[in-house]
C-alpha atoms as a PDB file:
ATOM      1  CA  MET A   1       0.000   0.000   0.000  1.00  0.00           C
ATOM      2  CA  THR A   2       1.379   3.379  -0.954  1.00  0.00           C
ATOM      3  CA  ASP A   3       1.470   6.452   1.231  1.00  0.00           C
ATOM      4  CA  PHE A   4      -1.284   7.993  -0.863  1.00  0.00           C
ATOM      5  CA  GLU A   5      -3.574   4.990  -0.377  1.00  0.00           C
ATOM      6  CA  ALA A   6      -2.910   5.018   3.367  1.00  0.00           C
ATOM      7  CA  GLU A   7      -3.722   8.739   3.518  1.00  0.00           C
ATOM      8  CA  VAL A   8      -6.952   8.223   1.561  1.00  0.00           C
ATOM      9  CA  LEU A   9      -8.033   5.358   3.846  1.00  0.00           C
ATOM     10  CA  ALA A  10      -7.267   7.451   6.941  1.00  0.00           C
ATOM     11  CA  SER A  11      -9.306  10.329   5.520  1.00  0.00           C
ATOM     12  CA  LEU A  12     -12.205   7.999   4.712  1.00  0.00           C
ATOM     13  CA  THR A  13     -12.131   6.583   8.231  1.00  0.00           C
ATOM     14  CA  GLU A  14     -12.237  10.099   9.674  1.00  0.00           C
ATOM     15  CA  LEU A  15     -15.085  11.051   7.340  1.00  0.00           C
ATOM     16  CA  LYS A  16     -17.028   7.935   8.314  1.00  0.00           C
ATOM     17  CA  THR A  17     -16.623   8.799  12.001  1.00  0.00           C
ATOM     18  CA  GLN A  18     -17.844  12.338  11.404  1.00  0.00           C
ATOM     19  CA  MET A  19     -20.858  11.100   9.426  1.00  0.00           C
ATOM     20  CA  LYS A  20     -21.819   8.730  12.252  1.00  0.00           C
ATOM     21  CA  GLU A  21     -21.632  11.645  14.683  1.00  0.00           C
ATOM     22  CA  LEU A  22     -23.745  13.802  12.378  1.00  0.00           C
ATOM     23  CA  LEU A  23     -26.396  11.237  11.438  1.00  0.00           C
ATOM     24  CA  GLY A  24     -26.269   9.006  14.511  1.00  0.00           C
ATOM     25  CA  ASN A  25     -25.059   5.520  15.207  1.00  0.00           C
ATOM     26  CA  GLY A  26     -28.237   3.907  16.501  1.00  0.00           C
ATOM     27  CA  GLN A  27     -28.928   6.980  18.635  1.00  0.00           C
ATOM     28  CA  PRO A  28     -30.107  10.377  17.392  1.00  0.00           C
ATOM     29  CA  GLY A  29     -27.186  12.260  15.895  1.00  0.00           C
ATOM     30  CA  ARG A  30     -26.507  15.939  15.844  1.00  0.00           C
ATOM     31  CA  LEU A  31     -28.722  16.407  12.804  1.00  0.00           C
ATOM     32  CA  ALA A  32     -31.733  14.773  14.487  1.00  0.00           C
ATOM     33  CA  ARG A  33     -31.238  16.904  17.593  1.00  0.00           C
ATOM     34  CA  LEU A  34     -31.049  20.024  15.424  1.00  0.00           C
ATOM     35  CA  GLU A  35     -34.259  19.051  13.618  1.00  0.00           C
ATOM     36  CA  GLY A  36     -35.968  18.664  16.993  1.00  0.00           C
ATOM     37  CA  ARG A  37     -34.849  22.104  18.082  1.00  0.00           C
ATOM     38  CA  ILE A  38     -36.101  23.601  14.809  1.00  0.00           C
ATOM     39  CA  ASP A  39     -39.498  21.916  15.272  1.00  0.00           C
ATOM     40  CA  VAL A  40     -39.814  23.376  18.782  1.00  0.00           C
ATOM     41  CA  HIS A  41     -38.816  26.814  17.471  1.00  0.00           C
ATOM     42  CA  GLU A  42     -41.369  26.678  14.651  1.00  0.00           C
ATOM     43  CA  ARG A  43     -44.153  25.711  17.071  1.00  0.00           C
ATOM     44  CA  THR A  44     -43.192  28.606  19.349  1.00  0.00           C
ATOM     45  CA  VAL A  45     -43.224  31.058  16.450  1.00  0.00           C
ATOM     46  CA  GLN A  46     -46.674  29.826  15.358  1.00  0.00           C
ATOM     47  CA  ARG A  47     -48.008  30.226  18.917  1.00  0.00           C
ATOM     48  CA  LEU A  48     -46.642  33.759  19.098  1.00  0.00           C
ATOM     49  CA  LYS A  49     -48.230  34.599  15.742  1.00  0.00           C
ATOM     50  CA  GLY A  50     -51.580  33.365  17.044  1.00  0.00           C
ATOM     51  CA  ALA A  51     -51.229  35.324  20.268  1.00  0.00           C
ATOM     52  CA  ALA A  52     -50.303  38.490  18.352  1.00  0.00           C
ATOM     53  CA  THR A  53     -53.317  38.040  16.071  1.00  0.00           C
ATOM     54  CA  ALA A  54     -55.635  37.562  19.046  1.00  0.00           C
ATOM     55  CA  LEU A  55     -54.192  40.604  20.801  1.00  0.00           C
ATOM     56  CA  GLY A  56     -54.582  42.697  17.660  1.00  0.00           C
ATOM     57  CA  ALA A  57     -58.191  41.610  17.286  1.00  0.00           C
ATOM     58  CA  ALA A  58     -58.897  42.427  20.941  1.00  0.00           C
ATOM     59  CA  LEU A  59     -57.341  45.876  20.618  1.00  0.00           C
ATOM     60  CA  THR A  60     -59.305  46.543  17.436  1.00  0.00           C
ATOM     61  CA  PHE A  61     -62.525  45.547  19.165  1.00  0.00           C
ATOM     62  CA  ALA A  62     -61.659  47.779  22.156  1.00  0.00           C
ATOM     63  CA  HIS A  63     -61.020  50.755  19.854  1.00  0.00           C
ATOM     64  CA  PHE A  64     -64.313  50.217  18.045  1.00  0.00           C
ATOM     65  CA  ALA A  65     -66.102  49.980  21.399  1.00  0.00           C
ATOM     66  CA  ILE A  66     -64.496  53.193  22.648  1.00  0.00           C
ATOM     67  CA  ASP A  67     -65.376  55.011  19.415  1.00  0.00           C
ATOM     68  CA  PHE A  68     -68.946  53.726  19.599  1.00  0.00           C
ATOM     69  CA  VAL A  69     -69.428  54.867  23.210  1.00  0.00           C
ATOM     70  CA  PHE A  70     -67.821  58.300  22.983  1.00  0.00           C
ATOM     71  CA  ARG A  71     -69.170  59.404  19.585  1.00  0.00           C
ATOM     72  CA  ARG A  72     -72.745  59.472  20.803  1.00  0.00           C
END
């Protein structure tokens, strides 16, 4: 085996180790954990959007009520 072949095999071994860390070796890897964190973040953003919409609707209703009462 030449030095080049040995270097290539060492690099492939290192790459294989890094891929197992990234994708997981029977356990969730870094990529799966990152996907989980993104899912939690997206759910939080959607909840905040809903809360902001509800608050905006409530404020709009309050303004209409105030205008209705004081314009008489």
